[in-house]
Amino acid sequence: MQTVSAEQQLNRIIESGRLSHTYMFESDAIETLRRQSEHFALKILGKTPRNETLISEGNHPDYFYLRTDETSIKKDAVEDLVRRMNRKPTESDYKVYVIEAFEKLTPQAENSVLKFLEEPPEKTIAILLTIDKSSILPTIHSRSQHIHIKGEKEDRTRFLENLSDMELNTVDVLALNAQHVKDLGENFSVMRKKAIEFSSKWIGNHPLVLIDIKPIVDICTERRDYMLMLQLIDGFVRQSMHASLELESYKPFGAEQVKGRNSIKRLAKMLDEIQTANRMLQSNVHPMLVFESMVICSKG
């Protein structure tokens, strides 16, 4: 099966001639999203040397890129964007705006964007970039065409020089959110270790596996930490499944694995329960109950 790159996928959208008014680009690396959003905007506005120069310099009258180094994007910044986008295009047929790290919007700013998305000006395209879509309003999700873009390896790992080679391999193969891993600091190494210990006991049907739930819950401090823990556990279970099928191509945890061949049916059941656990976390079920249910229900 031929893999379609993000750039090819975006090119096909342009070629189809059926542009949506809102796109949400999701990835694990914001740097990759920056490049792909600029590429997409250039294709929409017209790939000419002039447009390319104006966009790269931030001077294109029909293009606006909103980003901040602060922890939040406030309503004033969004209102400025809306004023700019309400003007008619002057250089191109369309107007395009990009909001980087959309998850940073304050509730007031997010509501302002929502109102704009509900009645967008004609031929105005929004590109919303996010590395954590879980906190974004469902009504904004429902108005967006979602495009998942896998972060390029260099973008995911360039700021993680303190990780070991094996930890970097885990981040890369599982396409973990590099910014989140960076924010965790030394805690990521501890989370990875705990995930391996817990997953090994769970796969091995250890009688005391439920006792190991409290340590993995205690090390997490916010919802995205629990989601990351589930990603790590999912990766370990998948690696065990590949090993049982004698497939060596998938090794996010290197040589770490549970000894012996494991039941493919049981491992598949475990993966199903991890997905259920993800949905429960997104519904704000208490993490302790989520992990306990995941283990108990996997026994059938």
Protein backbone atom coordinates (compact mmCIF):
# COMPACT_ATOMS: atom_id res chain seq x y z
CA MET A 1 0.00 0.00 0.00
CA GLN A 2 1.47 3.35 -1.04
CA THR A 3 1.75 5.96 1.70
CA VAL A 4 0.39 9.39 0.84
CA SER A 5 2.44 12.26 2.26
CA ALA A 6 0.80 15.23 3.95
CA GLU A 7 1.85 17.47 1.05
CA GLN A 8 0.28 15.10 -1.49
CA GLN A 9 -2.92 14.98 0.56
CA LEU A 10 -3.15 18.77 0.68
CA ASN A 11 -2.36 19.04 -3.03
CA ARG A 12 -5.25 16.71 -3.81
CA ILE A 13 -7.63 18.94 -1.84
CA ILE A 14 -6.55 21.92 -3.95
CA GLU A 15 -6.81 19.95 -7.19
CA SER A 16 -10.34 18.78 -6.32
CA GLY A 17 -11.52 22.40 -6.39
CA ARG A 18 -13.76 21.81 -3.36
CA LEU A 19 -12.27 23.80 -0.52
CA SER A 20 -13.86 23.74 2.94
CA HIS A 21 -14.06 26.98 4.92
CA THR A 22 -12.30 25.44 7.96
CA TYR A 23 -9.46 22.92 8.28
CA MET A 24 -8.02 21.58 11.49
CA PHE A 25 -4.47 20.27 11.09
CA GLU A 26 -3.53 17.87 13.88
CA SER A 27 0.00 16.66 14.58
CA ASP A 28 2.51 15.76 17.27
CA ALA A 29 4.97 18.46 16.12
CA ILE A 30 4.00 22.10 15.70
CA GLU A 31 7.00 22.84 13.45
CA THR A 32 5.69 20.35 10.88
CA LEU A 33 2.26 21.99 11.03
CA ARG A 34 3.79 25.43 10.41
CA ARG A 35 5.44 24.28 7.19
CA GLN A 36 2.41 22.36 5.93
CA SER A 37 -0.02 25.19 6.68
CA GLU A 38 2.20 27.65 4.81
CA HIS A 39 2.41 25.23 1.86
CA PHE A 40 -1.39 24.83 1.85
CA ALA A 41 -2.00 28.58 2.10
CA LEU A 42 0.39 29.23 -0.78
CA LYS A 43 -1.43 26.69 -2.96
CA ILE A 44 -4.79 28.32 -2.13
CA LEU A 45 -3.57 31.88 -2.79
CA GLY A 46 -1.61 30.87 -5.89
CA LYS A 47 1.90 29.47 -5.99
CA THR A 48 3.75 32.39 -7.55
CA PRO A 49 7.17 33.81 -6.59
CA ARG A 50 5.47 37.00 -5.41
CA ASN A 51 2.99 35.19 -3.16
CA GLU A 52 5.72 32.93 -1.83
CA THR A 53 7.84 35.94 -0.86
CA LEU A 54 4.94 37.85 0.69
CA ILE A 55 3.80 34.85 2.74
CA SER A 56 7.28 33.99 3.99
CA GLU A 57 7.80 37.62 5.03
CA GLY A 58 4.35 37.85 6.65
CA ASN A 59 3.31 40.69 4.34
CA HIS A 60 0.63 39.09 2.15
CA PRO A 61 -2.57 41.20 2.45
CA ASP A 62 -4.80 38.13 2.08
CA TYR A 63 -2.90 35.96 4.56
CA PHE A 64 -2.70 36.22 8.34
CA TYR A 65 -0.79 33.94 10.71
CA LEU A 66 -1.71 34.19 14.39
CA ARG A 67 0.70 32.77 16.94
CA THR A 68 2.04 33.65 20.36
CA ASP A 69 4.86 32.60 22.66
CA GLU A 70 2.61 33.25 25.64
CA THR A 71 0.60 30.54 27.35
CA SER A 72 -2.72 31.70 25.87
CA ILE A 73 -4.27 33.43 22.87
CA LYS A 74 -6.69 36.08 24.05
CA LYS A 75 -9.92 37.49 22.63
CA ASP A 76 -8.28 40.77 21.48
CA ALA A 77 -5.93 38.88 19.14
CA VAL A 78 -8.85 36.95 17.63
CA GLU A 79 -10.89 40.13 17.16
CA ASP A 80 -7.96 41.68 15.27
CA LEU A 81 -7.84 38.58 13.06
CA VAL A 82 -11.59 38.81 12.40
CA ARG A 83 -11.29 42.47 11.37
CA ARG A 84 -8.55 41.58 8.88
CA MET A 85 -10.47 38.64 7.46
CA ASN A 86 -13.69 40.61 6.98
CA ARG A 87 -11.98 42.69 4.27
CA LYS A 88 -12.24 41.54 0.68
CA PRO A 89 -9.19 39.83 -0.88
CA THR A 90 -6.92 42.14 -2.84
CA GLU A 91 -4.09 39.97 -4.23
CA SER A 92 -5.84 36.61 -4.60
CA ASP A 93 -9.26 35.01 -4.97
CA TYR A 94 -9.23 33.90 -1.33
CA LYS A 95 -8.25 35.09 2.13
CA VAL A 96 -6.49 32.58 4.40
CA TYR A 97 -5.77 32.75 8.10
CA VAL A 98 -3.86 30.33 10.31
CA ILE A 99 -4.14 30.02 14.08
CA GLU A 100 -1.17 28.20 15.57
CA ALA A 101 -1.64 26.13 18.74
CA PHE A 102 -5.41 26.56 18.69
CA GLU A 103 -5.63 24.80 22.05
CA LYS A 104 -4.10 27.96 23.59
CA LEU A 105 -7.23 30.03 22.96
CA THR A 106 -8.99 31.30 26.07
CA PRO A 107 -12.71 30.37 26.31
CA GLN A 108 -13.64 33.93 25.29
CA ALA A 109 -11.30 33.82 22.28
CA GLU A 110 -12.58 30.39 21.26
CA ASN A 111 -16.17 31.60 21.35
CA SER A 112 -15.21 34.58 19.16
CA VAL A 113 -13.68 32.22 16.59
CA LEU A 114 -16.75 29.98 16.76
CA LYS A 115 -19.04 32.90 15.90
CA PHE A 116 -16.79 33.75 12.95
CA LEU A 117 -16.74 30.13 11.75
CA GLU A 118 -20.54 29.95 11.88
CA GLU A 119 -20.88 32.76 9.31
CA PRO A 120 -17.51 33.07 7.54
CA PRO A 121 -17.05 35.66 4.78
CA GLU A 122 -17.17 34.26 1.27
CA LYS A 123 -13.89 32.69 0.10
CA THR A 124 -12.24 32.89 3.51
CA ILE A 125 -10.33 29.79 4.60
CA ALA A 126 -9.37 29.01 8.21
CA ILE A 127 -6.49 26.66 9.06
CA LEU A 128 -6.42 25.73 12.74
CA LEU A 129 -3.24 24.04 13.98
CA THR A 130 -3.23 21.89 17.11
CA ILE A 131 -1.08 19.37 18.94
CA ASP A 132 -3.76 18.80 21.60
CA LYS A 133 -7.26 18.71 20.16
CA SER A 134 -8.86 17.30 23.32
CA SER A 135 -9.53 20.72 24.87
CA ILE A 136 -11.09 22.29 21.76
CA LEU A 137 -14.85 22.87 21.69
CA PRO A 138 -16.82 20.04 19.99
CA THR A 139 -18.72 22.66 17.98
CA ILE A 140 -15.44 23.82 16.41
CA HIS A 141 -14.46 20.22 15.66
CA SER A 142 -17.81 19.70 13.94
CA ARG A 143 -17.23 22.70 11.65
CA SER A 144 -13.73 21.61 10.64
CA GLN A 145 -12.34 19.19 8.12
CA HIS A 146 -9.72 17.28 10.10
CA ILE A 147 -6.37 16.42 8.59
CA HIS A 148 -3.86 14.45 10.62
CA ILE A 149 -0.25 15.15 9.72
CA LYS A 150 2.48 13.00 11.22
CA GLY A 151 5.28 15.18 12.54
CA GLU A 152 8.61 14.82 10.85
CA LYS A 153 11.19 13.04 12.98
CA GLU A 154 13.52 16.04 13.20
CA ASP A 155 10.65 18.23 14.41
CA ARG A 156 9.66 15.78 17.12
CA THR A 157 13.12 15.18 18.52
CA ARG A 158 15.11 18.39 18.02
CA PHE A 159 14.17 19.75 21.46
CA LEU A 160 14.52 16.46 23.31
CA GLU A 161 18.29 16.19 23.53
CA ASN A 162 18.11 15.09 27.18
CA LEU A 163 16.35 11.83 26.29
CA SER A 164 18.21 8.57 25.72
CA ASP A 165 18.28 6.99 22.26
CA MET A 166 15.64 4.45 23.32
CA GLU A 167 13.39 7.17 24.72
CA LEU A 168 13.76 9.15 21.50
CA ASN A 169 12.87 6.00 19.58
CA THR A 170 9.68 5.66 21.64
CA VAL A 171 8.73 9.28 20.94
CA ASP A 172 9.39 8.83 17.22
CA VAL A 173 7.71 5.47 16.62
CA LEU A 174 4.62 6.30 18.69
CA ALA A 175 4.52 9.85 17.26
CA LEU A 176 4.17 11.31 20.74
CA ASN A 177 3.54 15.02 21.25
CA ALA A 178 7.11 16.32 21.46
CA GLN A 179 6.13 19.52 23.27
CA HIS A 180 4.30 17.53 25.93
CA VAL A 181 7.30 15.22 26.35
CA LYS A 182 9.54 18.26 26.69
CA ASP A 183 7.20 19.79 29.28
CA LEU A 184 7.32 16.58 31.32
CA GLY A 185 11.11 16.70 31.60
CA GLU A 186 12.48 13.82 33.68
CA ASN A 187 8.94 12.63 34.39
CA PHE A 188 8.70 11.25 30.85
CA SER A 189 11.44 8.71 31.60
CA VAL A 190 9.58 7.67 34.76
CA MET A 191 6.26 7.41 32.87
CA ARG A 192 7.85 5.29 30.16
CA LYS A 193 9.36 2.94 32.76
CA LYS A 194 6.07 2.63 34.65
CA ALA A 195 4.20 1.95 31.40
CA ILE A 196 6.60 -0.92 30.58
CA GLU A 197 6.28 -2.42 34.07
CA PHE A 198 2.50 -2.17 34.10
CA SER A 199 2.04 -3.44 30.54
CA SER A 200 4.33 -6.41 31.15
CA LYS A 201 2.26 -7.49 34.16
CA TRP A 202 -1.01 -6.86 32.34
CA ILE A 203 0.02 -8.90 29.29
CA GLY A 204 1.44 -11.61 31.56
CA ASN A 205 -1.86 -11.73 33.48
CA HIS A 206 -0.02 -11.05 36.74
CA PRO A 207 -2.36 -11.53 39.74
CA LEU A 208 -1.26 -8.20 41.28
CA VAL A 209 -1.54 -6.04 38.15
CA LEU A 210 -4.38 -3.96 39.65
CA ILE A 211 -2.00 -2.83 42.39
CA ASP A 212 0.26 -1.28 39.73
CA ILE A 213 -2.52 1.06 38.58
CA LYS A 214 -2.15 3.53 41.45
CA PRO A 215 1.57 4.27 40.71
CA ILE A 216 0.87 5.00 37.02
CA VAL A 217 -2.09 7.21 37.93
CA ASP A 218 -0.16 9.06 40.64
CA ILE A 219 2.63 10.10 38.26
CA CYS A 220 0.12 11.86 35.99
CA THR A 221 -0.95 15.38 36.95
CA GLU A 222 -3.33 16.40 34.13
CA ARG A 223 -5.60 14.76 31.60
CA ARG A 224 -3.09 14.84 28.76
CA ASP A 225 -0.65 12.89 31.00
CA TYR A 226 -3.20 10.07 31.35
CA MET A 227 -3.72 10.12 27.58
CA LEU A 228 0.04 9.87 27.07
CA MET A 229 0.24 6.96 29.51
CA LEU A 230 -2.40 5.15 27.46
CA GLN A 231 -0.39 5.82 24.30
CA LEU A 232 2.67 4.24 25.90
CA ILE A 233 0.69 1.22 27.10
CA ASP A 234 -0.94 0.86 23.68
CA GLY A 235 2.49 0.95 22.04
CA PHE A 236 3.85 -1.77 24.33
CA VAL A 237 0.84 -4.04 23.73
CA ARG A 238 1.17 -3.51 19.96
CA GLN A 239 4.87 -4.33 20.11
CA SER A 240 4.01 -7.56 21.95
CA MET A 241 1.45 -8.40 19.28
CA HIS A 242 4.01 -7.87 16.51
CA ALA A 243 6.48 -10.09 18.38
CA SER A 244 3.86 -12.84 18.76
CA LEU A 245 3.24 -12.64 15.02
CA GLU A 246 7.02 -12.79 14.48
CA LEU A 247 7.02 -9.33 12.91
CA GLU A 248 10.09 -7.32 13.86
CA SER A 249 9.27 -4.01 12.16
CA TYR A 250 7.52 -2.35 15.11
CA LYS A 251 9.68 -1.74 18.17
CA PRO A 252 8.88 1.52 20.00
CA PHE A 253 10.39 0.00 23.15
CA GLY A 254 13.36 -1.73 21.53
CA ALA A 255 14.13 -5.14 23.01
CA GLU A 256 11.59 -4.74 25.85
CA GLN A 257 8.88 -7.37 25.64
CA VAL A 258 7.02 -10.03 27.58
CA LYS A 259 8.68 -13.40 27.16
CA GLY A 260 6.87 -16.09 25.22
CA ARG A 261 4.13 -16.00 22.63
CA ASN A 262 0.93 -14.29 23.70
CA SER A 263 -2.62 -14.87 22.53
CA ILE A 264 -3.33 -12.57 19.59
CA LYS A 265 -7.02 -12.61 20.50
CA ARG A 266 -6.28 -11.44 24.04
CA LEU A 267 -3.85 -8.73 22.90
CA ALA A 268 -6.48 -7.47 20.44
CA LYS A 269 -9.01 -7.36 23.29
CA MET A 270 -6.53 -5.34 25.36
CA LEU A 271 -6.10 -2.82 22.52
CA ASP A 272 -9.89 -2.47 22.30
CA GLU A 273 -10.05 -1.74 26.02
CA ILE A 274 -7.34 0.91 25.68
CA GLN A 275 -9.48 2.69 23.08
CA THR A 276 -12.46 2.48 25.42
CA ALA A 277 -10.29 3.92 28.20
CA ASN A 278 -9.39 6.86 25.95
CA ARG A 279 -13.05 7.61 25.37
CA MET A 280 -13.77 7.38 29.10
CA LEU A 281 -10.97 9.86 29.87
CA GLN A 282 -12.36 12.26 27.28
CA SER A 283 -15.72 11.98 29.08
CA ASN A 284 -14.01 13.00 32.34
CA VAL A 285 -14.38 9.64 34.08
CA HIS A 286 -12.01 9.41 37.08
CA PRO A 287 -8.62 8.06 35.84
CA MET A 288 -8.42 5.39 38.55
CA LEU A 289 -11.77 3.96 37.44
CA VAL A 290 -10.69 4.17 33.79
CA PHE A 291 -7.55 2.08 34.27
CA GLU A 292 -9.23 -0.41 36.59
CA SER A 293 -12.06 -0.91 34.11
CA MET A 294 -9.53 -1.35 31.30
CA VAL A 295 -7.79 -4.22 33.11
CA ILE A 296 -10.92 -5.92 34.44
CA CYS A 297 -12.84 -5.77 31.14
CA SER A 298 -9.87 -7.14 29.17
CA LYS A 299 -10.31 -10.45 31.00
CA GLY A 300 -13.55 -10.97 29.14
